[in-house]
PDB file of N, CA and C in Angstrom:
ATOM      1  N   MET A   1    -148.395 143.980 -78.735  1.00  0.00           N
ATOM      2  CA  MET A   1    -147.737 142.837 -79.313  1.00  0.00           C
ATOM      3  C   MET A   1    -146.259 143.118 -79.541  1.00  0.00           C
ATOM      4  N   ARG A   2    -146.032 144.303 -79.933  1.00  0.00           N
ATOM      5  CA  ARG A   2    -144.644 144.655 -80.172  1.00  0.00           C
ATOM      6  C   ARG A   2    -143.842 144.602 -78.876  1.00  0.00           C
ATOM      7  N   LEU A   3    -144.423 144.992 -77.790  1.00  0.00           N
ATOM      8  CA  LEU A   3    -143.746 144.967 -76.502  1.00  0.00           C
ATOM      9  C   LEU A   3    -143.449 143.532 -76.093  1.00  0.00           C
ATOM     10  N   ALA A   4    -144.403 142.647 -76.315  1.00  0.00           N
ATOM     11  CA  ALA A   4    -144.211 141.241 -75.990  1.00  0.00           C
ATOM     12  C   ALA A   4    -143.085 140.651 -76.825  1.00  0.00           C
ATOM     13  N   GLN A   5    -143.053 141.004 -78.096  1.00  0.00           N
ATOM     14  CA  GLN A   5    -141.996 140.488 -78.975  1.00  0.00           C
ATOM     15  C   GLN A   5    -140.643 141.045 -78.529  1.00  0.00           C
ATOM     16  N   GLY A   6    -140.598 142.307 -78.117  1.00  0.00           N
ATOM     17  CA  GLY A   6    -139.364 142.923 -77.650  1.00  0.00           C
ATOM     18  C   GLY A   6    -138.875 142.260 -76.371  1.00  0.00           C
ATOM     19  N   LEU A   7    -139.853 141.937 -75.481  1.00  0.00           N
ATOM     20  CA  LEU A   7    -139.478 141.246 -74.247  1.00  0.00           C
ATOM     21  C   LEU A   7    -138.946 139.847 -74.524  1.00  0.00           C
ATOM     22  N   GLU A   8    -139.555 139.172 -75.477  1.00  0.00           N
ATOM     23  CA  GLU A   8    -139.076 137.823 -75.849  1.00  0.00           C
ATOM     24  C   GLU A   8    -137.642 137.892 -76.371  1.00  0.00           C
ATOM     25  N   GLU A   9    -137.359 138.907 -77.159  1.00  0.00           N
ATOM     26  CA  GLU A   9    -136.004 139.062 -77.691  1.00  0.00           C
ATOM     27  C   GLU A   9    -135.009 139.342 -76.542  1.00  0.00           C
ATOM     28  N   VAL A  10    -135.438 140.174 -75.594  1.00  0.00           N
ATOM     29  CA  VAL A  10    -134.577 140.483 -74.455  1.00  0.00           C
ATOM     30  C   VAL A  10    -134.338 139.221 -73.623  1.00  0.00           C
ATOM     31  N   PHE A  11    -135.413 138.453 -73.352  1.00  0.00           N
ATOM     32  CA  PHE A  11    -135.270 137.210 -72.594  1.00  0.00           C
ATOM     33  C   PHE A  11    -134.396 136.195 -73.340  1.00  0.00           C
ATOM     34  N   ALA A  12    -134.552 136.143 -74.656  1.00  0.00           N
ATOM     35  CA  ALA A  12    -133.735 135.236 -75.468  1.00  0.00           C
ATOM     36  C   ALA A  12    -132.267 135.651 -75.377  1.00  0.00           C
ATOM     37  N   LYS A  13    -132.040 136.959 -75.428  1.00  0.00           N
ATOM     38  CA  LYS A  13    -130.661 137.448 -75.342  1.00  0.00           C
ATOM     39  C   LYS A  13    -130.084 137.155 -73.949  1.00  0.00           C
ATOM     40  N   ILE A  14    -130.896 137.368 -72.897  1.00  0.00           N
ATOM     41  CA  ILE A  14    -130.465 137.065 -71.535  1.00  0.00           C
ATOM     42  C   ILE A  14    -130.148 135.580 -71.409  1.00  0.00           C
ATOM     43  N   LYS A  15    -131.022 134.742 -71.982  1.00  0.00           N
ATOM     44  CA  LYS A  15    -130.787 133.285 -71.932  1.00  0.00           C
ATOM     45  C   LYS A  15    -129.486 132.936 -72.649  1.00  0.00           C
ATOM     46  N   SER A  16    -129.240 133.575 -73.807  1.00  0.00           N
ATOM     47  CA  SER A  16    -128.001 133.336 -74.555  1.00  0.00           C
ATOM     48  C   SER A  16    -126.787 133.768 -73.729  1.00  0.00           C
ATOM     49  N   LEU A  17    -126.917 134.913 -73.050  1.00  0.00           N
ATOM     50  CA  LEU A  17    -125.821 135.385 -72.209  1.00  0.00           C
ATOM     51  C   LEU A  17    -125.589 134.457 -71.016  1.00  0.00           C
ATOM     52  N   GLU A  18    -126.669 133.921 -70.450  1.00  0.00           N
ATOM     53  CA  GLU A  18    -126.532 132.964 -69.343  1.00  0.00           C
ATOM     54  C   GLU A  18    -125.796 131.711 -69.804  1.00  0.00           C
ATOM     55  N   VAL A  19    -126.129 131.231 -70.993  1.00  0.00           N
ATOM     56  CA  VAL A  19    -125.451 130.044 -71.540  1.00  0.00           C
ATOM     57  C   VAL A  19    -123.970 130.352 -71.758  1.00  0.00           C
ATOM     58  N   ASP A  20    -123.697 131.539 -72.325  1.00  0.00           N
ATOM     59  CA  ASP A  20    -122.304 131.930 -72.544  1.00  0.00           C
ATOM     60  C   ASP A  20    -121.546 132.041 -71.218  1.00  0.00           C
ATOM     61  N   LEU A  21    -122.222 132.612 -70.206  1.00  0.00           N
ATOM     62  CA  LEU A  21    -121.611 132.740 -68.889  1.00  0.00           C
ATOM     63  C   LEU A  21    -121.309 131.375 -68.278  1.00  0.00           C
ATOM     64  N   GLU A  22    -122.201 130.439 -68.408  1.00  0.00           N
ATOM     65  CA  GLU A  22    -121.972 129.078 -67.903  1.00  0.00           C
ATOM     66  C   GLU A  22    -120.802 128.418 -68.636  1.00  0.00           C
ATOM     67  N   ASP A  23    -120.735 128.628 -69.954  1.00  0.00           N
ATOM     68  CA  ASP A  23    -119.602 128.101 -70.727  1.00  0.00           C
ATOM     69  C   ASP A  23    -118.276 128.696 -70.234  1.00  0.00           C
ATOM     70  N   LEU A  24    -118.304 130.014 -69.991  1.00  0.00           N
ATOM     71  CA  LEU A  24    -117.096 130.668 -69.489  1.00  0.00           C
ATOM     72  C   LEU A  24    -116.702 130.134 -68.118  1.00  0.00           C
ATOM     73  N   ARG A  25    -117.698 129.929 -67.239  1.00  0.00           N
ATOM     74  CA  ARG A  25    -117.408 129.367 -65.917  1.00  0.00           C
ATOM     75  C   ARG A  25    -116.801 127.976 -66.032  1.00  0.00           C
ATOM     76  N   ALA A  26    -117.371 127.153 -66.901  1.00  0.00           N
ATOM     77  CA  ALA A  26    -116.863 125.785 -67.082  1.00  0.00           C
ATOM     78  C   ALA A  26    -115.435 125.821 -67.634  1.00  0.00           C
ATOM     79  N   THR A  27    -115.208 126.719 -68.589  1.00  0.00           N
ATOM     80  CA  THR A  27    -113.861 126.847 -69.158  1.00  0.00           C
ATOM     81  C   THR A  27    -112.876 127.317 -68.093  1.00  0.00           C
ATOM     82  N   TYR A  28    -113.284 128.310 -67.287  1.00  0.00           N
ATOM     83  CA  TYR A  28    -112.428 128.816 -66.220  1.00  0.00           C
ATOM     84  C   TYR A  28    -112.099 127.708 -65.230  1.00  0.00           C
ATOM     85  N   GLN A  29    -113.110 126.924 -64.842  1.00  0.00           N
ATOM     86  CA  GLN A  29    -112.868 125.849 -63.891  1.00  0.00           C
ATOM     87  C   GLN A  29    -111.895 124.820 -64.469  1.00  0.00           C
ATOM     88  N   GLY A  30    -112.024 124.504 -65.750  1.00  0.00           N
ATOM     89  CA  GLY A  30    -111.089 123.575 -66.396  1.00  0.00           C
ATOM     90  C   GLY A  30    -109.674 124.126 -66.441  1.00  0.00           C
ATOM     91  N   VAL A  31    -109.564 125.405 -66.803  1.00  0.00           N
ATOM     92  CA  VAL A  31    -108.247 126.046 -66.861  1.00  0.00           C
ATOM     93  C   VAL A  31    -107.644 126.114 -65.464  1.00  0.00           C
ATOM     94  N   ASN A  32    -108.475 126.469 -64.477  1.00  0.00           N
ATOM     95  CA  ASN A  32    -107.990 126.558 -63.103  1.00  0.00           C
ATOM     96  C   ASN A  32    -107.507 125.203 -62.606  1.00  0.00           C
ATOM     97  N   LYS A  33    -108.253 124.155 -62.921  1.00  0.00           N
ATOM     98  CA  LYS A  33    -107.858 122.800 -62.509  1.00  0.00           C
ATOM     99  C   LYS A  33    -106.515 122.421 -63.157  1.00  0.00           C
ATOM    100  N   SER A  34    -106.369 122.742 -64.447  1.00  0.00           N
ATOM    101  CA  SER A  34    -105.109 122.454 -65.147  1.00  0.00           C
ATOM    102  C   SER A  34    -103.956 123.268 -64.553  1.00  0.00           C
ATOM    103  N   TYR A  35    -104.235 124.516 -64.220  1.00  0.00           N
ATOM    104  CA  TYR A  35    -103.222 125.384 -63.637  1.00  0.00           C
ATOM    105  C   TYR A  35    -102.751 124.840 -62.291  1.00  0.00           C
ATOM    106  N   VAL A  36    -103.705 124.417 -61.454  1.00  0.00           N
ATOM    107  CA  VAL A  36    -103.362 123.857 -60.137  1.00  0.00           C
ATOM    108  C   VAL A  36    -102.521 122.591 -60.318  1.00  0.00           C
ATOM    109  N   ALA A  37    -102.897 121.739 -61.262  1.00  0.00           N
ATOM    110  CA  ALA A  37    -102.136 120.508 -61.516  1.00  0.00           C
ATOM    111  C   ALA A  37    -100.724 120.843 -62.006  1.00  0.00           C
ATOM    112  N   ALA A  38    -100.629 121.826 -62.897  1.00  0.00           N
ATOM    113  CA  ALA A  38     -99.313 122.222 -63.418  1.00  0.00           C
ATOM    114  C   ALA A  38     -98.440 122.779 -62.298  1.00  0.00           C
ATOM    115  N   LEU A  39     -99.009 123.596 -61.427  1.00  0.00           N
ATOM    116  CA  LEU A  39     -98.231 124.133 -60.295  1.00  0.00           C
ATOM    117  C   LEU A  39     -97.774 123.021 -59.365  1.00  0.00           C
ATOM    118  N   SER A  40     -98.630 122.042 -59.149  1.00  0.00           N
ATOM    119  CA  SER A  40     -98.267 120.919 -58.285  1.00  0.00           C
ATOM    120  C   SER A  40     -97.091 120.149 -58.892  1.00  0.00           C
ATOM    121  N   LYS A  41     -97.177 119.868 -60.185  1.00  0.00           N
ATOM    122  CA  LYS A  41     -96.085 119.151 -60.870  1.00  0.00           C
ATOM    123  C   LYS A  41     -94.803 119.974 -60.844  1.00  0.00           C
ATOM    124  N   LEU A  42     -94.941 121.287 -61.047  1.00  0.00           N
ATOM    125  CA  LEU A  42     -93.771 122.157 -61.020  1.00  0.00           C
ATOM    126  C   LEU A  42     -93.121 122.135 -59.641  1.00  0.00           C
ATOM    127  N   GLY A  43     -93.951 122.108 -58.592  1.00  0.00           N
ATOM    128  CA  GLY A  43     -93.415 122.009 -57.237  1.00  0.00           C
ATOM    129  C   GLY A  43     -92.665 120.708 -57.029  1.00  0.00           C
ATOM    130  N   GLU A  44     -93.222 119.607 -57.530  1.00  0.00           N
ATOM    131  CA  GLU A  44     -92.551 118.303 -57.414  1.00  0.00           C
ATOM    132  C   GLU A  44     -91.226 118.312 -58.170  1.00  0.00           C
ATOM    133  N   LEU A  45     -91.248 118.852 -59.395  1.00  0.00           N
ATOM    134  CA  LEU A  45     -90.018 118.906 -60.193  1.00  0.00           C
ATOM    135  C   LEU A  45     -88.960 119.772 -59.515  1.00  0.00           C
ATOM    136  N   THR A  46     -89.390 120.873 -58.917  1.00  0.00           N
ATOM    137  CA  THR A  46     -88.452 121.745 -58.210  1.00  0.00           C
ATOM    138  C   THR A  46     -87.828 121.007 -57.028  1.00  0.00           C
ATOM    139  N   LEU A  47     -88.652 120.254 -56.309  1.00  0.00           N
ATOM    140  CA  LEU A  47     -88.147 119.481 -55.175  1.00  0.00           C
ATOM    141  C   LEU A  47     -87.131 118.440 -55.645  1.00  0.00           C
ATOM    142  N   HIS A  48     -87.458 117.723 -56.729  1.00  0.00           N
ATOM    143  CA  HIS A  48     -86.535 116.707 -57.257  1.00  0.00           C
ATOM    144  C   HIS A  48     -85.234 117.359 -57.742  1.00  0.00           C
ATOM    145  N   ALA A  49     -85.356 118.511 -58.395  1.00  0.00           N
ATOM    146  CA  ALA A  49     -84.157 119.203 -58.880  1.00  0.00           C
ATOM    147  C   ALA A  49     -83.297 119.658 -57.709  1.00  0.00           C
ATOM    148  N   SER A  50     -83.933 120.120 -56.656  1.00  0.00           N
ATOM    149  CA  SER A  50     -83.194 120.551 -55.463  1.00  0.00           C
ATOM    150  C   SER A  50     -82.468 119.373 -54.828  1.00  0.00           C
ATOM    151  N   GLU A  51     -83.150 118.250 -54.713  1.00  0.00           N
ATOM    152  CA  GLU A  51     -82.517 117.049 -54.139  1.00  0.00           C
ATOM    153  C   GLU A  51     -81.361 116.583 -55.011  1.00  0.00           C
ATOM    154  N   ALA A  52     -81.546 116.621 -56.325  1.00  0.00           N
ATOM    155  CA  ALA A  52     -80.472 116.214 -57.240  1.00  0.00           C
ATOM    156  C   ALA A  52     -79.278 117.157 -57.112  1.00  0.00           C
ATOM    157  N   ALA A  53     -79.540 118.449 -56.973  1.00  0.00           N
ATOM    158  CA  ALA A  53     -78.451 119.416 -56.816  1.00  0.00           C
ATOM    159  C   ALA A  53     -77.688 119.171 -55.516  1.00  0.00           C
ATOM    160  N   LYS A  54     -78.413 118.842 -54.450  1.00  0.00           N
ATOM    161  CA  LYS A  54     -77.749 118.541 -53.177  1.00  0.00           C
ATOM    162  C   LYS A  54     -76.879 117.297 -53.301  1.00  0.00           C
ATOM    163  N   ARG A  55     -77.407 116.260 -53.988  1.00  0.00           N
ATOM    164  CA  ARG A  55     -76.606 115.041 -54.175  1.00  0.00           C
ATOM    165  C   ARG A  55     -75.379 115.333 -55.038  1.00  0.00           C
ATOM    166  N   ALA A  56     -75.542 116.166 -56.049  1.00  0.00           N
ATOM    167  CA  ALA A  56     -74.407 116.519 -56.913  1.00  0.00           C
ATOM    168  C   ALA A  56     -73.354 117.285 -56.124  1.00  0.00           C
ATOM    169  N   ALA A  57     -73.789 118.184 -55.249  1.00  0.00           N
ATOM    170  CA  ALA A  57     -72.839 118.934 -54.426  1.00  0.00           C
ATOM    171  C   ALA A  57     -72.089 117.996 -53.487  1.00  0.00           C
ATOM    172  N   LYS A  58     -72.808 117.040 -52.908  1.00  0.00           N
ATOM    173  CA  LYS A  58     -72.159 116.072 -52.013  1.00  0.00           C
ATOM    174  C   LYS A  58     -71.151 115.227 -52.789  1.00  0.00           C
ATOM    175  N   SER A  59     -71.534 114.797 -53.985  1.00  0.00           N
ATOM    176  CA  SER A  59     -70.619 114.002 -54.822  1.00  0.00           C
ATOM    177  C   SER A  59     -69.385 114.816 -55.195  1.00  0.00           C
ATOM    178  N   THR A  60     -69.597 116.079 -55.487  1.00  0.00           N
ATOM    179  CA  THR A  60     -68.469 116.948 -55.836  1.00  0.00           C
ATOM    180  C   THR A  60     -67.503 117.064 -54.661  1.00  0.00           C
ATOM    181  N   GLU A  61     -68.052 117.226 -53.466  1.00  0.00           N
ATOM    182  CA  GLU A  61     -67.203 117.316 -52.273  1.00  0.00           C
ATOM    183  C   GLU A  61     -66.442 116.004 -52.057  1.00  0.00           C
ATOM    184  N   GLN A  62     -67.135 114.886 -52.237  1.00  0.00           N
ATOM    185  CA  GLN A  62     -66.467 113.591 -52.073  1.00  0.00           C
ATOM    186  C   GLN A  62     -65.387 113.404 -53.132  1.00  0.00           C
ATOM    187  N   SER A  63     -65.635 113.875 -54.351  1.00  0.00           N
ATOM    188  CA  SER A  63     -64.625 113.795 -55.411  1.00  0.00           C
ATOM    189  C   SER A  63     -63.410 114.650 -55.062  1.00  0.00           C
ATOM    190  N   ARG A  64     -63.678 115.837 -54.478  1.00  0.00           N
ATOM    191  CA  ARG A  64     -62.568 116.710 -54.082  1.00  0.00           C
ATOM    192  C   ARG A  64     -61.706 116.030 -53.030  1.00  0.00           C
ATOM    193  N   VAL A  65     -62.354 115.399 -52.044  1.00  0.00           N
ATOM    194  CA  VAL A  65     -61.618 114.706 -50.985  1.00  0.00           C
ATOM    195  C   VAL A  65     -60.834 113.532 -51.577  1.00  0.00           C
ATOM    196  N   ALA A  66     -61.464 112.787 -52.489  1.00  0.00           N
ATOM    197  CA  ALA A  66     -60.783 111.649 -53.122  1.00  0.00           C
ATOM    198  C   ALA A  66     -59.572 112.124 -53.924  1.00  0.00           C
ATOM    199  N   ALA A  67     -59.721 113.237 -54.627  1.00  0.00           N
ATOM    200  CA  ALA A  67     -58.599 113.776 -55.406  1.00  0.00           C
ATOM    201  C   ALA A  67     -57.458 114.205 -54.482  1.00  0.00           C
ATOM    202  N   LYS A  68     -57.824 114.791 -53.343  1.00  0.00           N
ATOM    203  CA  LYS A  68     -56.802 115.197 -52.371  1.00  0.00           C
ATOM    204  C   LYS A  68     -56.050 113.979 -51.850  1.00  0.00           C
ATOM    205  N   HIS A  69     -56.791 112.913 -51.522  1.00  0.00           N
ATOM    206  CA  HIS A  69     -56.147 111.683 -51.046  1.00  0.00           C
ATOM    207  C   HIS A  69     -55.278 111.058 -52.145  1.00  0.00           C
ATOM    208  N   ALA A  70     -55.749 111.110 -53.373  1.00  0.00           N
ATOM    209  CA  ALA A  70     -54.960 110.561 -54.483  1.00  0.00           C
ATOM    210  C   ALA A  70     -53.664 111.349 -54.657  1.00  0.00           C
ATOM    211  N   ALA A  71     -53.761 112.668 -54.510  1.00  0.00           N
ATOM    212  CA  ALA A  71     -52.553 113.493 -54.631  1.00  0.00           C
ATOM    213  C   ALA A  71     -51.566 113.172 -53.512  1.00  0.00           C
ATOM    214  N   LEU A  72     -52.078 113.003 -52.289  1.00  0.00           N
ATOM    215  CA  LEU A  72     -51.195 112.641 -51.174  1.00  0.00           C
ATOM    216  C   LEU A  72     -50.556 111.275 -51.399  1.00  0.00           C
ATOM    217  N   ALA A  73     -51.350 110.329 -51.897  1.00  0.00           N
ATOM    218  CA  ALA A  73     -50.810 108.993 -52.181  1.00  0.00           C
ATOM    219  C   ALA A  73     -49.734 109.068 -53.260  1.00  0.00           C
ATOM    220  N   ALA A  74     -49.961 109.914 -54.258  1.00  0.00           N
ATOM    221  CA  ALA A  74     -48.965 110.073 -55.325  1.00  0.00           C
ATOM    222  C   ALA A  74     -47.677 110.670 -54.768  1.00  0.00           C
ATOM    223  N   LEU A  75     -47.815 111.661 -53.869  1.00  0.00           N
ATOM    224  CA  LEU A  75     -46.618 112.246 -53.248  1.00  0.00           C
ATOM    225  C   LEU A  75     -45.868 111.209 -52.418  1.00  0.00           C
ATOM    226  N   GLN A  76     -46.620 110.399 -51.667  1.00  0.00           N
ATOM    227  CA  GLN A  76     -45.988 109.357 -50.859  1.00  0.00           C
ATOM    228  C   GLN A  76     -45.316 108.318 -51.749  1.00  0.00           C
ATOM    229  N   ALA A  77     -45.984 107.970 -52.839  1.00  0.00           N
ATOM    230  CA  ALA A  77     -45.389 107.000 -53.764  1.00  0.00           C
ATOM    231  C   ALA A  77     -44.122 107.575 -54.386  1.00  0.00           C
ATOM    232  N   SER A  78     -44.170 108.860 -54.695  1.00  0.00           N
ATOM    233  CA  SER A  78     -42.993 109.517 -55.267  1.00  0.00           C
ATOM    234  C   SER A  78     -41.858 109.530 -54.255  1.00  0.00           C
ATOM    235  N   ALA A  79     -42.180 109.841 -52.998  1.00  0.00           N
ATOM    236  CA  ALA A  79     -41.156 109.839 -51.948  1.00  0.00           C
ATOM    237  C   ALA A  79     -40.613 108.436 -51.742  1.00  0.00           C
ATOM    238  N   SER A  80     -41.505 107.444 -51.770  1.00  0.00           N
ATOM    239  CA  SER A  80     -41.070 106.052 -51.615  1.00  0.00           C
ATOM    240  C   SER A  80     -40.173 105.650 -52.774  1.00  0.00           C
ATOM    241  N   ARG A  81     -40.529 106.082 -53.974  1.00  0.00           N
ATOM    242  CA  ARG A  81     -39.715 105.773 -55.148  1.00  0.00           C
ATOM    243  C   ARG A  81     -38.347 106.428 -55.025  1.00  0.00           C
ATOM    244  N   MET A  82     -38.332 107.668 -54.551  1.00  0.00           N
ATOM    245  CA  MET A  82     -37.056 108.358 -54.367  1.00  0.00           C
ATOM    246  C   MET A  82     -36.223 107.651 -53.298  1.00  0.00           C
ATOM    247  N   ALA A  83     -36.864 107.205 -52.220  1.00  0.00           N
ATOM    248  CA  ALA A  83     -36.150 106.490 -51.163  1.00  0.00           C
ATOM    249  C   ALA A  83     -35.613 105.167 -51.702  1.00  0.00           C
ATOM    250  N   ALA A  84     -36.420 104.489 -52.509  1.00  0.00           N
ATOM    251  CA  ALA A  84     -35.971 103.219 -53.093  1.00  0.00           C
ATOM    252  C   ALA A  84     -34.799 103.451 -54.039  1.00  0.00           C
ATOM    253  N   ASP A  85     -34.881 104.524 -54.839  1.00  0.00           N
ATOM    254  CA  ASP A  85     -33.777 104.847 -55.751  1.00  0.00           C
ATOM    255  C   ASP A  85     -32.511 105.175 -54.957  1.00  0.00           C
ATOM    256  N   SER A  86     -32.673 105.913 -53.859  1.00  0.00           N
ATOM    257  CA  SER A  86     -31.517 106.265 -53.020  1.00  0.00           C
ATOM    258  C   SER A  86     -30.921 105.012 -52.390  1.00  0.00           C
ATOM    259  N   ALA A  87     -31.783 104.115 -51.934  1.00  0.00           N
ATOM    260  CA  ALA A  87     -31.292 102.872 -51.330  1.00  0.00           C
ATOM    261  C   ALA A  87     -30.550 102.028 -52.369  1.00  0.00           C
ATOM    262  N   ALA A  88     -31.105 101.974 -53.573  1.00  0.00           N
ATOM    263  CA  ALA A  88     -30.446 101.208 -54.636  1.00  0.00           C
ATOM    264  C   ALA A  88     -29.088 101.820 -54.977  1.00  0.00           C
ATOM    265  N   GLU A  89     -29.034 103.150 -55.006  1.00  0.00           N
ATOM    266  CA  GLU A  89     -27.775 103.832 -55.285  1.00  0.00           C
ATOM    267  C   GLU A  89     -26.766 103.564 -54.169  1.00  0.00           C
ATOM    268  N   ALA A  90     -27.245 103.533 -52.910  1.00  0.00           N
ATOM    269  CA  ALA A  90     -26.366 103.253 -51.776  1.00  0.00           C
ATOM    270  C   ALA A  90     -25.826 101.832 -51.869  1.00  0.00           C
ATOM    271  N   VAL A  91     -26.668 100.875 -52.237  1.00  0.00           N
ATOM    272  CA  VAL A  91     -26.225  99.484 -52.398  1.00  0.00           C
ATOM    273  C   VAL A  91     -25.192  99.405 -53.512  1.00  0.00           C
ATOM    274  N   LYS A  92     -25.465 100.104 -54.613  1.00  0.00           N
ATOM    275  CA  LYS A  92     -24.530 100.099 -55.743  1.00  0.00           C
ATOM    276  C   LYS A  92     -23.175 100.670 -55.330  1.00  0.00           C
ATOM    277  N   LEU A  93     -23.203 101.802 -54.616  1.00  0.00           N
ATOM    278  CA  LEU A  93     -21.942 102.408 -54.163  1.00  0.00           C
ATOM    279  C   LEU A  93     -21.242 101.518 -53.145  1.00  0.00           C
ATOM    280  N   SER A  94     -22.002 100.848 -52.288  1.00  0.00           N
ATOM    281  CA  SER A  94     -21.416  99.936 -51.305  1.00  0.00           C
ATOM    282  C   SER A  94     -20.726  98.778 -52.016  1.00  0.00           C
ATOM    283  N   ASN A  95     -21.390  98.243 -53.043  1.00  0.00           N
ATOM    284  CA  ASN A  95     -20.792  97.142 -53.818  1.00  0.00           C
ATOM    285  C   ASN A  95     -19.519  97.601 -54.519  1.00  0.00           C
ATOM    286  N   GLN A  96     -19.582  98.819 -55.072  1.00  0.00           N
ATOM    287  CA  GLN A  96     -18.373  99.335 -55.730  1.00  0.00           C
ATOM    288  C   GLN A  96     -17.243  99.535 -54.728  1.00  0.00           C
ATOM    289  N   ALA A  97     -17.572 100.006 -53.527  1.00  0.00           N
ATOM    290  CA  ALA A  97     -16.549 100.208 -52.494  1.00  0.00           C
ATOM    291  C   ALA A  97     -15.954  98.868 -52.081  1.00  0.00           C
ATOM    292  N   ARG A  98     -16.812  97.837 -51.934  1.00  0.00           N
ATOM    293  CA  ARG A  98     -16.315  96.520 -51.561  1.00  0.00           C
ATOM    294  C   ARG A  98     -15.404  95.966 -52.654  1.00  0.00           C
ATOM    295  N   GLN A  99     -15.826  96.131 -53.929  1.00  0.00           N
ATOM    296  CA  GLN A  99     -15.009  95.636 -55.034  1.00  0.00           C
ATOM    297  C   GLN A  99     -13.652  96.353 -55.069  1.00  0.00           C
ATOM    298  N   THR A 100     -13.699  97.649 -54.805  1.00  0.00           N
ATOM    299  CA  THR A 100     -12.454  98.416 -54.803  1.00  0.00           C
ATOM    300  C   THR A 100     -11.547  97.946 -53.655  1.00  0.00           C
ATOM    301  N   ALA A 101     -12.152  97.741 -52.496  1.00  0.00           N
ATOM    302  CA  ALA A 101     -11.374  97.277 -51.342  1.00  0.00           C
ATOM    303  C   ALA A 101     -10.797  95.899 -51.631  1.00  0.00           C
ATOM    304  N   ASP A 102     -11.587  95.010 -52.225  1.00  0.00           N
ATOM    305  CA  ASP A 102     -11.097  93.676 -52.572  1.00  0.00           C
ATOM    306  C   ASP A 102      -9.972  93.770 -53.592  1.00  0.00           C
ATOM    307  N   LEU A 103     -10.130  94.627 -54.548  1.00  0.00           N
ATOM    308  CA  LEU A 103      -9.117  94.799 -55.588  1.00  0.00           C
ATOM    309  C   LEU A 103      -7.820  95.337 -54.980  1.00  0.00           C
ATOM    310  N   VAL A 104      -7.945  96.301 -54.079  1.00  0.00           N
ATOM    311  CA  VAL A 104      -6.767  96.869 -53.422  1.00  0.00           C
ATOM    312  C   VAL A 104      -6.084  95.792 -52.590  1.00  0.00           C
ATOM    313  N   ARG A 105      -6.832  94.976 -51.907  1.00  0.00           N
ATOM    314  CA  ARG A 105      -6.249  93.911 -51.082  1.00  0.00           C
ATOM    315  C   ARG A 105      -5.514  92.882 -51.935  1.00  0.00           C
ATOM    316  N   THR A 106      -6.138  92.547 -53.042  1.00  0.00           N
ATOM    317  CA  THR A 106      -5.509  91.496 -53.871  1.00  0.00           C
ATOM    318  C   THR A 106      -4.300  92.021 -54.632  1.00  0.00           C
ATOM    319  N   GLN A 107      -4.239  93.285 -54.889  1.00  0.00           N
ATOM    320  CA  GLN A 107      -3.134  93.831 -55.666  1.00  0.00           C
ATOM    321  C   GLN A 107      -2.014  94.390 -54.792  1.00  0.00           C
ATOM    322  N   SER A 108      -2.226  94.583 -53.547  1.00  0.00           N
ATOM    323  CA  SER A 108      -1.153  95.122 -52.716  1.00  0.00           C
ATOM    324  C   SER A 108      -0.222  93.948 -52.334  1.00  0.00           C
ATOM    325  N   PRO A 109       1.061  94.241 -52.286  1.00  0.00           N
ATOM    326  CA  PRO A 109       2.010  93.164 -51.971  1.00  0.00           C
ATOM    327  C   PRO A 109       1.811  92.677 -50.532  1.00  0.00           C
ATOM    328  N   SER A 110       1.933  91.416 -50.411  1.00  0.00           N
ATOM    329  CA  SER A 110       1.756  90.815 -49.096  1.00  0.00           C
ATOM    330  C   SER A 110       3.008  91.088 -48.272  1.00  0.00           C
ATOM    331  N   LYS A 111       2.844  91.299 -47.025  1.00  0.00           N
ATOM    332  CA  LYS A 111       3.984  91.539 -46.139  1.00  0.00           C
ATOM    333  C   LYS A 111       4.530  90.186 -45.694  1.00  0.00           C
ATOM    334  N   PRO A 112       5.802  90.039 -45.718  1.00  0.00           N
ATOM    335  CA  PRO A 112       6.341  88.775 -45.233  1.00  0.00           C
ATOM    336  C   PRO A 112       6.171  88.678 -43.713  1.00  0.00           C
ATOM    337  N   THR A 113       5.878  87.530 -43.278  1.00  0.00           N
ATOM    338  CA  THR A 113       5.698  87.319 -41.855  1.00  0.00           C
ATOM    339  C   THR A 113       6.834  86.534 -41.285  1.00  0.00           C
TER     340      THR A 113
END
């Protein structure tokens, strides 16, 4: 009888271990499924981050080109402004020369004819 009772205890313990093992398997499968899902999402996020970085790099390059064009336009505008200032100064000096010539003509004695 004692042997039978000992065997029952061993079988009960084996049954308990089998239940624990099944619980562990179920937990592992759940964790594994979550891990696979997390890796998949991480892969998607990495892809999106990579695409965003590429777009940012392209935008940066376009901004650099735009800044270069703006600088060239500013230089051209500055040169145009300098040319306009020079032209205005030339007109002013021309007007002063004409006024001086007119003044000299009107103030010089007329020659008798």
